[in-house]
């Protein structure tokens, strides 16, 4: 349903980016996790964010998403994943934190605590037993929609219907004669209302 999006970041804004694997350990043991890789980012100042399921985490894959979602001039903070090494050449300011050593870079103050927190909330929103890989885009879209409603302080159901009215044509697929009949009846109702109004007497 989400056919368009607004880019986050920009001059004076900071966006934290990261990748995480959604799933569970095979047979509930060891370090191997069966599931779906997801790439995401969070704008610190507003909480606006994005989550995209990915099959690869190489530079070519992630850079396309970064350019599609993050405005040039943004200060991007990330871990030391090699795919991010090119960001300074792509119009971004880039600071890193080495998570194998520390959670926050003591020299630059760089950290990814906000995007790490998003991972926890996003994973908690998904039932452990309902994580089919082919549905991850839908799972993530639902999480992002509800998060956006919270940030905007709007009712999710009302927002859903509003977006439906924008995205979907209510007469798409309806027979032309049915549409013409409905329009004709609407015009007749308007004429009747006009006649009634002309007969109204004000005191």
N, C-alpha and C. Protein backbone atom coordinates (compact mmCIF):
# COMPACT_ATOMS: atom_id res chain seq x y z
N UNK A 1 0.82 -1.20 0.00
CA UNK A 1 0.00 0.00 0.00
C UNK A 1 0.86 1.26 0.00
N UNK A 2 2.04 1.19 0.59
CA UNK A 2 2.90 2.36 0.65
C UNK A 2 3.63 2.49 -0.68
N UNK A 3 3.17 3.39 -1.53
CA UNK A 3 3.73 3.53 -2.87
C UNK A 3 4.71 4.69 -2.96
N UNK A 4 4.77 5.52 -1.95
CA UNK A 4 5.67 6.65 -1.99
C UNK A 4 6.22 6.86 -0.59
N UNK A 5 7.30 7.60 -0.48
CA UNK A 5 7.86 7.89 0.83
C UNK A 5 8.59 9.21 0.79
N UNK A 6 8.81 9.78 1.97
CA UNK A 6 9.57 11.00 2.09
C UNK A 6 10.95 10.65 2.61
N UNK A 7 11.96 11.23 1.99
CA UNK A 7 13.32 10.98 2.44
C UNK A 7 13.54 11.61 3.80
N UNK A 8 14.43 11.03 4.57
CA UNK A 8 14.76 11.56 5.89
C UNK A 8 16.16 12.16 5.86
N UNK A 9 16.51 12.87 6.94
CA UNK A 9 17.84 13.48 7.01
C UNK A 9 17.89 14.81 6.30
N UNK A 10 19.11 15.18 5.87
CA UNK A 10 19.34 16.47 5.25
C UNK A 10 20.36 17.26 6.05
N UNK A 11 20.63 18.48 5.63
CA UNK A 11 21.60 19.32 6.33
C UNK A 11 21.19 19.52 7.79
N UNK A 12 22.14 19.31 8.70
CA UNK A 12 21.87 19.50 10.12
C UNK A 12 21.17 18.33 10.78
N UNK A 13 20.90 17.26 10.04
CA UNK A 13 20.21 16.09 10.59
C UNK A 13 21.16 14.89 10.67
N UNK A 14 20.89 14.01 11.63
CA UNK A 14 21.69 12.80 11.82
C UNK A 14 20.83 11.57 11.63
N UNK A 15 21.30 10.63 10.84
CA UNK A 15 20.59 9.38 10.62
C UNK A 15 21.51 8.21 10.98
N UNK A 16 21.03 7.34 11.84
CA UNK A 16 21.77 6.13 12.19
C UNK A 16 21.30 5.00 11.29
N UNK A 17 22.22 4.23 10.73
CA UNK A 17 21.86 3.11 9.86
C UNK A 17 22.47 1.82 10.38
N UNK A 18 21.85 0.72 10.03
CA UNK A 18 22.34 -0.58 10.50
C UNK A 18 21.61 -1.68 9.74
N UNK A 19 22.12 -2.90 9.86
CA UNK A 19 21.43 -4.08 9.32
C UNK A 19 21.24 -5.06 10.47
N UNK A 20 20.17 -5.83 10.39
CA UNK A 20 19.92 -6.83 11.42
C UNK A 20 19.20 -8.01 10.80
N UNK A 21 19.43 -9.17 11.34
CA UNK A 21 18.76 -10.37 10.82
C UNK A 21 17.58 -10.71 11.71
N UNK A 22 16.41 -10.76 11.08
CA UNK A 22 15.19 -11.12 11.79
C UNK A 22 14.98 -12.62 11.66
N UNK A 23 14.71 -13.28 12.75
CA UNK A 23 14.49 -14.72 12.71
C UNK A 23 14.76 -15.32 14.06
N UNK A 24 15.15 -16.59 14.07
CA UNK A 24 15.44 -17.26 15.33
C UNK A 24 16.54 -18.29 15.10
N UNK A 25 17.23 -18.61 16.17
CA UNK A 25 18.31 -19.59 16.06
C UNK A 25 17.74 -20.96 15.69
N UNK A 26 18.42 -21.62 14.79
CA UNK A 26 17.97 -22.94 14.35
C UNK A 26 18.05 -23.92 15.51
N UNK A 27 16.95 -24.59 15.77
CA UNK A 27 16.84 -25.55 16.86
C UNK A 27 17.14 -24.91 18.22
N UNK A 28 16.99 -23.55 18.29
CA UNK A 28 17.14 -22.81 19.55
C UNK A 28 18.52 -22.95 20.16
N UNK A 29 19.53 -23.07 19.33
CA UNK A 29 20.88 -23.16 19.88
C UNK A 29 21.87 -22.64 18.84
N UNK A 30 23.07 -22.34 19.34
CA UNK A 30 24.12 -21.87 18.45
C UNK A 30 23.92 -20.43 18.04
N UNK A 31 24.77 -19.96 17.10
CA UNK A 31 24.74 -18.57 16.68
C UNK A 31 24.10 -18.38 15.30
N UNK A 32 23.80 -19.46 14.61
CA UNK A 32 23.21 -19.33 13.29
C UNK A 32 21.74 -18.96 13.39
N UNK A 33 21.36 -17.88 12.70
CA UNK A 33 19.98 -17.42 12.74
C UNK A 33 19.34 -17.61 11.37
N UNK A 34 18.22 -18.30 11.34
CA UNK A 34 17.46 -18.49 10.12
C UNK A 34 16.48 -17.33 9.99
N UNK A 35 16.47 -16.66 8.85
CA UNK A 35 15.53 -15.55 8.73
C UNK A 35 15.85 -14.58 7.62
N UNK A 36 15.50 -13.33 7.83
CA UNK A 36 15.56 -12.30 6.81
C UNK A 36 16.44 -11.14 7.26
N UNK A 37 17.40 -10.74 6.41
CA UNK A 37 18.18 -9.54 6.68
C UNK A 37 17.34 -8.31 6.39
N UNK A 38 17.45 -7.32 7.26
CA UNK A 38 16.72 -6.06 7.10
C UNK A 38 17.69 -4.90 7.28
N UNK A 39 17.59 -3.91 6.40
CA UNK A 39 18.41 -2.71 6.49
C UNK A 39 17.51 -1.55 6.89
N UNK A 40 17.99 -0.70 7.81
CA UNK A 40 17.13 0.39 8.26
C UNK A 40 17.90 1.60 8.74
N UNK A 41 17.16 2.68 8.95
CA UNK A 41 17.75 3.91 9.44
C UNK A 41 16.76 4.70 10.27
N UNK A 42 17.29 5.50 11.21
CA UNK A 42 16.46 6.34 12.08
C UNK A 42 17.02 7.75 12.11
N UNK A 43 16.17 8.73 11.90
CA UNK A 43 16.56 10.13 12.04
C UNK A 43 16.44 10.51 13.51
N UNK A 44 17.55 10.90 14.10
CA UNK A 44 17.56 11.17 15.53
C UNK A 44 16.59 12.26 15.95
N UNK A 45 16.56 13.32 15.19
CA UNK A 45 15.80 14.50 15.59
C UNK A 45 14.29 14.28 15.61
N UNK A 46 13.78 13.42 14.76
CA UNK A 46 12.33 13.25 14.62
C UNK A 46 11.83 11.84 14.91
N UNK A 47 12.72 10.85 14.85
CA UNK A 47 12.29 9.47 15.01
C UNK A 47 11.81 8.84 13.71
N UNK A 48 11.76 9.62 12.62
CA UNK A 48 11.36 9.07 11.32
C UNK A 48 12.35 7.98 10.92
N UNK A 49 11.85 6.96 10.24
CA UNK A 49 12.73 5.82 9.97
C UNK A 49 12.27 5.05 8.74
N UNK A 50 13.07 4.07 8.36
CA UNK A 50 12.70 3.16 7.27
C UNK A 50 13.28 1.79 7.56
N UNK A 51 12.63 0.77 7.03
CA UNK A 51 13.07 -0.62 7.15
C UNK A 51 12.86 -1.30 5.81
N UNK A 52 13.90 -1.92 5.28
CA UNK A 52 13.83 -2.55 3.97
C UNK A 52 14.40 -3.97 4.05
N UNK A 53 13.64 -5.00 3.68
CA UNK A 53 14.21 -6.35 3.63
C UNK A 53 15.20 -6.44 2.47
N UNK A 54 16.35 -7.06 2.71
CA UNK A 54 17.38 -7.18 1.68
C UNK A 54 17.89 -8.62 1.62
N UNK A 55 18.32 -9.02 0.43
CA UNK A 55 18.91 -10.35 0.26
C UNK A 55 20.43 -10.29 0.40
N UNK A 56 21.01 -9.12 0.09
CA UNK A 56 22.46 -8.95 0.21
C UNK A 56 22.76 -7.66 0.96
N UNK A 57 23.94 -7.63 1.58
CA UNK A 57 24.36 -6.44 2.33
C UNK A 57 25.60 -5.81 1.70
N UNK A 58 25.76 -6.00 0.41
CA UNK A 58 26.93 -5.43 -0.27
C UNK A 58 26.72 -3.95 -0.53
N UNK A 59 27.79 -3.28 -0.94
CA UNK A 59 27.75 -1.84 -1.16
C UNK A 59 26.71 -1.46 -2.20
N UNK A 60 26.64 -2.19 -3.28
CA UNK A 60 25.71 -1.86 -4.37
C UNK A 60 24.26 -1.89 -3.89
N UNK A 61 23.92 -2.90 -3.09
CA UNK A 61 22.54 -3.02 -2.60
C UNK A 61 22.19 -1.92 -1.61
N UNK A 62 23.06 -1.73 -0.61
CA UNK A 62 22.76 -0.77 0.46
C UNK A 62 22.83 0.67 -0.01
N UNK A 63 23.75 0.97 -0.93
CA UNK A 63 23.90 2.35 -1.39
C UNK A 63 22.66 2.82 -2.14
N UNK A 64 22.06 1.93 -2.92
CA UNK A 64 20.83 2.29 -3.63
C UNK A 64 19.73 2.67 -2.63
N UNK A 65 19.61 1.90 -1.56
CA UNK A 65 18.59 2.19 -0.55
C UNK A 65 18.90 3.48 0.19
N UNK A 66 20.17 3.68 0.53
CA UNK A 66 20.57 4.90 1.24
C UNK A 66 20.23 6.13 0.41
N UNK A 67 20.56 6.11 -0.87
CA UNK A 67 20.27 7.26 -1.74
C UNK A 67 18.77 7.46 -1.92
N UNK A 68 18.02 6.37 -1.87
CA UNK A 68 16.58 6.44 -2.07
C UNK A 68 15.86 6.98 -0.83
N UNK A 69 16.49 6.80 0.35
CA UNK A 69 15.80 7.16 1.59
C UNK A 69 16.45 8.31 2.37
N UNK A 70 17.73 8.60 2.14
CA UNK A 70 18.43 9.60 2.95
C UNK A 70 18.92 10.74 2.08
N UNK A 71 18.59 11.95 2.46
CA UNK A 71 18.96 13.14 1.69
C UNK A 71 20.46 13.41 1.75
N UNK A 72 21.03 13.95 0.67
CA UNK A 72 22.44 14.34 0.69
C UNK A 72 22.68 15.39 1.78
N UNK A 73 23.90 15.43 2.30
CA UNK A 73 24.24 16.38 3.34
C UNK A 73 23.97 15.87 4.74
N UNK A 74 23.38 14.68 4.85
CA UNK A 74 23.06 14.09 6.15
C UNK A 74 24.32 13.59 6.84
N UNK A 75 24.37 13.72 8.16
CA UNK A 75 25.40 13.08 8.96
C UNK A 75 24.92 11.67 9.25
N UNK A 76 25.61 10.68 8.69
CA UNK A 76 25.23 9.28 8.88
C UNK A 76 26.17 8.62 9.88
N UNK A 77 25.59 7.92 10.84
CA UNK A 77 26.38 7.16 11.81
C UNK A 77 26.08 5.68 11.64
N UNK A 78 27.13 4.87 11.69
CA UNK A 78 26.96 3.44 11.47
C UNK A 78 28.06 2.67 12.18
N UNK A 79 27.98 1.34 12.10
CA UNK A 79 29.10 0.53 12.55
C UNK A 79 30.15 0.52 11.44
N UNK A 80 31.13 -0.34 11.56
CA UNK A 80 32.25 -0.33 10.61
C UNK A 80 32.07 -1.31 9.46
N UNK A 81 30.84 -1.65 9.12
CA UNK A 81 30.59 -2.55 8.00
C UNK A 81 31.18 -1.96 6.73
N UNK A 82 31.92 -2.76 5.99
CA UNK A 82 32.70 -2.29 4.84
C UNK A 82 31.84 -1.66 3.75
N UNK A 83 30.58 -2.04 3.65
CA UNK A 83 29.72 -1.50 2.60
C UNK A 83 29.46 -0.01 2.76
N UNK A 84 29.74 0.54 3.95
CA UNK A 84 29.50 1.96 4.20
C UNK A 84 30.71 2.84 3.92
N UNK A 85 31.82 2.24 3.54
CA UNK A 85 33.06 3.01 3.36
C UNK A 85 32.95 4.09 2.29
N UNK A 86 32.00 3.94 1.38
CA UNK A 86 31.88 4.86 0.24
C UNK A 86 31.03 6.09 0.54
N UNK A 87 30.43 6.18 1.71
CA UNK A 87 29.43 7.22 1.97
C UNK A 87 29.98 8.64 1.87
N UNK A 88 31.24 8.83 2.26
CA UNK A 88 31.83 10.17 2.19
C UNK A 88 31.98 10.63 0.74
N UNK A 89 32.03 9.68 -0.18
CA UNK A 89 32.15 10.03 -1.60
C UNK A 89 30.78 10.22 -2.25
N UNK A 90 29.72 10.03 -1.49
CA UNK A 90 28.37 10.10 -2.05
C UNK A 90 27.56 11.28 -1.51
N UNK A 91 28.25 12.27 -0.92
CA UNK A 91 27.55 13.46 -0.45
C UNK A 91 27.09 13.42 0.98
N UNK A 92 27.62 12.47 1.76
CA UNK A 92 27.24 12.35 3.17
C UNK A 92 28.45 12.56 4.07
N UNK A 93 28.20 13.03 5.29
CA UNK A 93 29.22 13.01 6.33
C UNK A 93 29.05 11.69 7.07
N UNK A 94 30.15 10.98 7.32
CA UNK A 94 30.02 9.63 7.86
C UNK A 94 30.91 9.44 9.08
N UNK A 95 30.30 9.04 10.19
CA UNK A 95 31.03 8.70 11.41
C UNK A 95 30.72 7.26 11.78
N UNK A 96 31.70 6.57 12.34
CA UNK A 96 31.52 5.15 12.67
C UNK A 96 31.83 4.86 14.13
N UNK A 97 31.31 3.73 14.58
CA UNK A 97 31.63 3.21 15.91
C UNK A 97 31.95 1.73 15.74
N UNK A 98 33.02 1.29 16.36
CA UNK A 98 33.45 -0.11 16.28
C UNK A 98 32.81 -0.90 17.42
N UNK A 99 31.77 -1.63 17.12
CA UNK A 99 31.02 -2.33 18.16
C UNK A 99 31.78 -3.48 18.79
N UNK A 100 32.85 -3.93 18.17
CA UNK A 100 33.65 -4.98 18.78
C UNK A 100 34.49 -4.43 19.93
N UNK A 101 34.57 -3.11 20.01
CA UNK A 101 35.37 -2.46 21.06
C UNK A 101 34.50 -1.63 21.99
N UNK A 102 33.52 -0.90 21.43
CA UNK A 102 32.77 0.06 22.24
C UNK A 102 31.37 0.27 21.66
N UNK A 103 30.47 0.82 22.47
CA UNK A 103 29.12 1.16 22.01
C UNK A 103 29.03 2.60 21.52
N UNK A 104 30.02 3.41 21.90
CA UNK A 104 30.04 4.81 21.49
C UNK A 104 31.47 5.23 21.23
N UNK A 105 31.69 5.88 20.10
CA UNK A 105 33.04 6.35 19.76
C UNK A 105 33.40 7.52 20.68
N UNK A 106 34.42 7.36 21.54
CA UNK A 106 34.74 8.42 22.50
C UNK A 106 35.29 9.69 21.85
N UNK A 107 35.79 9.57 20.65
CA UNK A 107 36.38 10.74 19.97
C UNK A 107 35.33 11.56 19.23
N UNK A 108 34.38 10.89 18.58
CA UNK A 108 33.38 11.60 17.77
C UNK A 108 31.98 11.62 18.38
N UNK A 109 31.77 10.74 19.36
CA UNK A 109 30.44 10.63 19.96
C UNK A 109 29.47 9.80 19.14
N UNK A 110 29.97 9.18 18.07
CA UNK A 110 29.10 8.38 17.20
C UNK A 110 28.59 7.14 17.92
N UNK A 111 27.30 6.86 17.74
CA UNK A 111 26.71 5.62 18.26
C UNK A 111 25.47 5.29 17.43
N UNK A 112 24.98 4.09 17.58
CA UNK A 112 23.79 3.65 16.83
C UNK A 112 22.71 3.14 17.78
N UNK A 113 22.62 3.74 18.96
CA UNK A 113 21.68 3.28 19.97
C UNK A 113 20.22 3.37 19.51
N UNK A 114 19.89 4.40 18.73
CA UNK A 114 18.50 4.58 18.31
C UNK A 114 18.06 3.51 17.31
N UNK A 115 18.91 3.21 16.35
CA UNK A 115 18.53 2.19 15.38
C UNK A 115 18.55 0.80 16.02
N UNK A 116 19.44 0.60 16.99
CA UNK A 116 19.45 -0.67 17.72
C UNK A 116 18.14 -0.83 18.49
N UNK A 117 17.66 0.27 19.07
CA UNK A 117 16.38 0.22 19.77
C UNK A 117 15.23 -0.09 18.84
N UNK A 118 15.31 0.44 17.61
CA UNK A 118 14.26 0.15 16.63
C UNK A 118 14.21 -1.34 16.31
N UNK A 119 15.38 -1.97 16.21
CA UNK A 119 15.39 -3.41 15.95
C UNK A 119 14.63 -4.16 17.02
N UNK A 120 14.87 -3.80 18.28
CA UNK A 120 14.21 -4.50 19.38
C UNK A 120 12.69 -4.36 19.28
N UNK A 121 12.23 -3.13 19.03
CA UNK A 121 10.78 -2.91 18.95
C UNK A 121 10.17 -3.60 17.73
N UNK A 122 10.86 -3.54 16.60
CA UNK A 122 10.33 -4.14 15.38
C UNK A 122 10.22 -5.66 15.52
N UNK A 123 11.24 -6.27 16.10
CA UNK A 123 11.22 -7.72 16.27
C UNK A 123 10.16 -8.14 17.27
N UNK A 124 10.01 -7.34 18.34
CA UNK A 124 9.00 -7.66 19.35
C UNK A 124 7.59 -7.55 18.80
N UNK A 125 7.40 -6.74 17.74
CA UNK A 125 6.07 -6.56 17.17
C UNK A 125 5.63 -7.75 16.32
N UNK A 126 6.57 -8.62 15.99
CA UNK A 126 6.26 -9.77 15.15
C UNK A 126 6.15 -11.03 15.99
N UNK A 127 5.09 -11.78 15.75
CA UNK A 127 4.93 -13.04 16.45
C UNK A 127 6.07 -13.99 16.09
N UNK A 128 6.60 -14.68 17.08
CA UNK A 128 7.71 -15.60 16.85
C UNK A 128 7.36 -16.70 15.87
N UNK A 129 6.08 -17.04 15.79
CA UNK A 129 5.66 -18.16 14.96
C UNK A 129 5.04 -17.72 13.63
N UNK A 130 5.07 -16.43 13.36
CA UNK A 130 4.48 -15.92 12.11
C UNK A 130 5.50 -15.07 11.37
N UNK A 131 6.64 -15.67 11.03
CA UNK A 131 7.69 -14.91 10.37
C UNK A 131 8.09 -15.57 9.05
N UNK A 132 7.14 -15.72 8.16
CA UNK A 132 7.44 -16.29 6.85
C UNK A 132 8.20 -15.26 6.03
N UNK A 133 9.29 -15.70 5.42
CA UNK A 133 10.18 -14.77 4.73
C UNK A 133 9.48 -13.99 3.64
N UNK A 134 8.57 -14.61 2.92
CA UNK A 134 7.92 -13.92 1.81
C UNK A 134 6.98 -12.81 2.27
N UNK A 135 6.65 -12.80 3.57
CA UNK A 135 5.74 -11.78 4.09
C UNK A 135 6.46 -10.66 4.84
N UNK A 136 7.79 -10.67 4.87
CA UNK A 136 8.51 -9.70 5.69
C UNK A 136 8.24 -8.26 5.27
N UNK A 137 8.11 -8.01 3.98
CA UNK A 137 7.82 -6.64 3.53
C UNK A 137 6.52 -6.15 4.16
N UNK A 138 5.53 -7.03 4.24
CA UNK A 138 4.26 -6.67 4.86
C UNK A 138 4.39 -6.46 6.36
N UNK A 139 5.14 -7.36 7.03
CA UNK A 139 5.37 -7.21 8.47
C UNK A 139 6.00 -5.85 8.77
N UNK A 140 7.03 -5.51 8.01
CA UNK A 140 7.76 -4.26 8.23
C UNK A 140 6.90 -3.05 7.91
N UNK A 141 6.09 -3.16 6.83
CA UNK A 141 5.21 -2.04 6.47
C UNK A 141 4.20 -1.77 7.58
N UNK A 142 3.67 -2.82 8.19
CA UNK A 142 2.72 -2.65 9.29
C UNK A 142 3.40 -1.96 10.47
N UNK A 143 4.59 -2.42 10.81
CA UNK A 143 5.31 -1.80 11.93
C UNK A 143 5.58 -0.33 11.66
N UNK A 144 6.05 -0.01 10.44
CA UNK A 144 6.37 1.37 10.10
C UNK A 144 5.11 2.25 10.08
N UNK A 145 3.99 1.69 9.61
CA UNK A 145 2.74 2.45 9.57
C UNK A 145 2.29 2.82 10.98
N UNK A 146 2.30 1.84 11.89
CA UNK A 146 1.86 2.11 13.26
C UNK A 146 2.82 3.07 13.97
N UNK A 147 4.11 2.94 13.68
CA UNK A 147 5.07 3.87 14.27
C UNK A 147 4.84 5.28 13.76
N UNK A 148 4.58 5.42 12.47
CA UNK A 148 4.31 6.73 11.89
C UNK A 148 3.07 7.36 12.52
N UNK A 149 2.04 6.56 12.77
CA UNK A 149 0.82 7.08 13.40
C UNK A 149 1.11 7.58 14.81
N UNK A 150 1.97 6.86 15.54
CA UNK A 150 2.33 7.31 16.88
C UNK A 150 3.08 8.64 16.83
N UNK A 151 4.01 8.76 15.89
CA UNK A 151 4.78 10.00 15.77
C UNK A 151 3.89 11.18 15.41
N UNK A 152 2.87 10.92 14.58
CA UNK A 152 1.96 11.99 14.15
C UNK A 152 0.78 12.19 15.09
N UNK A 153 0.66 11.28 16.06
CA UNK A 153 -0.45 11.31 17.02
C UNK A 153 -1.80 11.28 16.30
N UNK A 154 -1.92 10.32 15.37
CA UNK A 154 -3.18 10.15 14.64
C UNK A 154 -3.71 8.74 14.87
N UNK A 155 -5.02 8.58 14.68
CA UNK A 155 -5.65 7.28 14.85
C UNK A 155 -5.28 6.37 13.67
N UNK A 156 -4.74 5.18 13.93
CA UNK A 156 -4.31 4.29 12.83
C UNK A 156 -5.43 3.93 11.86
N UNK A 157 -6.64 3.67 12.37
CA UNK A 157 -7.73 3.27 11.49
C UNK A 157 -8.13 4.42 10.57
N UNK A 158 -8.24 5.63 11.14
CA UNK A 158 -8.60 6.79 10.33
C UNK A 158 -7.52 7.07 9.29
N UNK A 159 -6.26 6.93 9.69
CA UNK A 159 -5.16 7.16 8.75
C UNK A 159 -5.16 6.11 7.65
N UNK A 160 -5.48 4.87 8.00
CA UNK A 160 -5.54 3.79 7.02
C UNK A 160 -6.58 4.10 5.94
N UNK A 161 -7.78 4.50 6.36
CA UNK A 161 -8.83 4.80 5.39
C UNK A 161 -8.47 6.03 4.55
N UNK A 162 -7.80 7.00 5.16
CA UNK A 162 -7.39 8.18 4.41
C UNK A 162 -6.41 7.80 3.31
N UNK A 163 -5.45 6.94 3.64
CA UNK A 163 -4.47 6.50 2.65
C UNK A 163 -5.12 5.64 1.57
N UNK A 164 -6.10 4.83 1.97
CA UNK A 164 -6.83 4.02 0.98
C UNK A 164 -7.51 4.92 -0.05
N UNK A 165 -8.08 6.02 0.41
CA UNK A 165 -8.77 6.93 -0.51
C UNK A 165 -7.81 7.59 -1.48
N UNK A 166 -6.54 7.71 -1.07
CA UNK A 166 -5.53 8.33 -1.94
C UNK A 166 -4.98 7.31 -2.94
N UNK A 167 -4.73 6.10 -2.45
CA UNK A 167 -4.05 5.09 -3.26
C UNK A 167 -4.99 4.37 -4.22
N UNK A 168 -6.20 4.05 -3.75
CA UNK A 168 -7.10 3.23 -4.55
C UNK A 168 -8.25 4.04 -5.14
N UNK A 169 -8.53 3.79 -6.43
CA UNK A 169 -9.66 4.42 -7.11
C UNK A 169 -10.92 3.64 -6.75
N UNK A 170 -11.91 4.27 -6.11
CA UNK A 170 -13.10 3.53 -5.66
C UNK A 170 -13.93 2.94 -6.80
N UNK A 171 -13.78 3.46 -8.02
CA UNK A 171 -14.57 2.93 -9.14
C UNK A 171 -13.74 2.04 -10.05
N UNK A 172 -12.50 1.77 -9.66
CA UNK A 172 -11.66 0.91 -10.49
C UNK A 172 -12.25 -0.50 -10.53
N UNK A 173 -12.49 -1.00 -11.71
CA UNK A 173 -13.04 -2.34 -11.86
C UNK A 173 -14.56 -2.40 -11.85
N UNK A 174 -15.22 -1.26 -11.59
CA UNK A 174 -16.68 -1.22 -11.59
C UNK A 174 -17.18 -0.98 -13.01
N UNK A 175 -18.23 -1.68 -13.41
CA UNK A 175 -18.75 -1.54 -14.77
C UNK A 175 -19.14 -0.10 -15.04
N UNK A 176 -18.89 0.34 -16.28
CA UNK A 176 -19.15 1.73 -16.67
C UNK A 176 -20.62 2.10 -16.49
N UNK A 177 -21.54 1.16 -16.80
CA UNK A 177 -22.96 1.49 -16.69
C UNK A 177 -23.37 1.71 -15.24
N UNK A 178 -22.71 0.99 -14.31
CA UNK A 178 -23.01 1.17 -12.89
C UNK A 178 -22.54 2.55 -12.43
N UNK A 179 -21.34 2.95 -12.87
CA UNK A 179 -20.80 4.26 -12.51
C UNK A 179 -21.69 5.37 -13.05
N UNK A 180 -22.11 5.23 -14.34
CA UNK A 180 -22.97 6.24 -14.95
C UNK A 180 -24.30 6.34 -14.22
N UNK A 181 -24.84 5.19 -13.79
CA UNK A 181 -26.11 5.19 -13.08
C UNK A 181 -25.98 5.90 -11.74
N UNK A 182 -24.86 5.65 -11.04
CA UNK A 182 -24.63 6.29 -9.74
C UNK A 182 -24.47 7.79 -9.90
N UNK A 183 -23.75 8.20 -10.96
CA UNK A 183 -23.56 9.63 -11.20
C UNK A 183 -24.88 10.30 -11.55
N UNK A 184 -25.72 9.58 -12.32
CA UNK A 184 -27.02 10.12 -12.71
C UNK A 184 -27.91 10.32 -11.49
N UNK A 185 -27.93 9.33 -10.59
CA UNK A 185 -28.73 9.43 -9.38
C UNK A 185 -28.24 10.57 -8.50
N UNK A 186 -26.91 10.73 -8.45
CA UNK A 186 -26.33 11.82 -7.66
C UNK A 186 -26.78 13.16 -8.19
N UNK A 187 -26.82 13.30 -9.52
CA UNK A 187 -27.26 14.55 -10.14
C UNK A 187 -28.73 14.82 -9.85
N UNK A 188 -29.56 13.77 -9.87
CA UNK A 188 -30.99 13.92 -9.58
C UNK A 188 -31.20 14.39 -8.15
N UNK A 189 -30.44 13.81 -7.22
CA UNK A 189 -30.54 14.22 -5.81
C UNK A 189 -30.19 15.68 -5.64
N UNK A 190 -29.17 16.13 -6.38
CA UNK A 190 -28.74 17.53 -6.28
C UNK A 190 -29.84 18.46 -6.77
N UNK A 191 -30.53 18.05 -7.87
CA UNK A 191 -31.61 18.88 -8.42
C UNK A 191 -32.76 18.99 -7.43
N UNK A 192 -33.09 17.87 -6.77
CA UNK A 192 -34.18 17.87 -5.79
C UNK A 192 -33.84 18.78 -4.62
N UNK A 193 -32.59 18.69 -4.15
CA UNK A 193 -32.16 19.53 -3.05
C UNK A 193 -32.25 21.00 -3.43
N UNK A 194 -31.88 21.32 -4.69
CA UNK A 194 -31.93 22.71 -5.15
C UNK A 194 -33.37 23.21 -5.17
N UNK A 195 -34.31 22.36 -5.63
CA UNK A 195 -35.71 22.75 -5.67
C UNK A 195 -36.25 23.00 -4.27
N UNK A 196 -35.87 22.13 -3.32
CA UNK A 196 -36.32 22.28 -1.94
C UNK A 196 -35.81 23.58 -1.35
N UNK A 197 -34.55 23.91 -1.65
CA UNK A 197 -33.95 25.11 -1.12
C UNK A 197 -34.66 26.36 -1.66
N UNK A 198 -35.09 26.30 -2.94
CA UNK A 198 -35.75 27.46 -3.55
C UNK A 198 -37.11 27.73 -2.92
N UNK A 199 -37.71 26.70 -2.29
CA UNK A 199 -39.03 26.85 -1.69
C UNK A 199 -38.96 27.21 -0.21
N UNK A 200 -37.76 27.30 0.32
CA UNK A 200 -37.60 27.60 1.74
C UNK A 200 -37.91 29.07 2.01
N UNK A 201 -38.69 29.34 3.06
CA UNK A 201 -39.05 30.71 3.42
C UNK A 201 -38.39 31.04 4.75
N UNK A 202 -37.65 32.14 4.79
CA UNK A 202 -36.97 32.56 6.01
C UNK A 202 -37.77 33.66 6.69
N UNK A 203 -37.92 33.61 7.99
CA UNK A 203 -38.66 34.64 8.75
C UNK A 203 -37.67 35.52 9.51
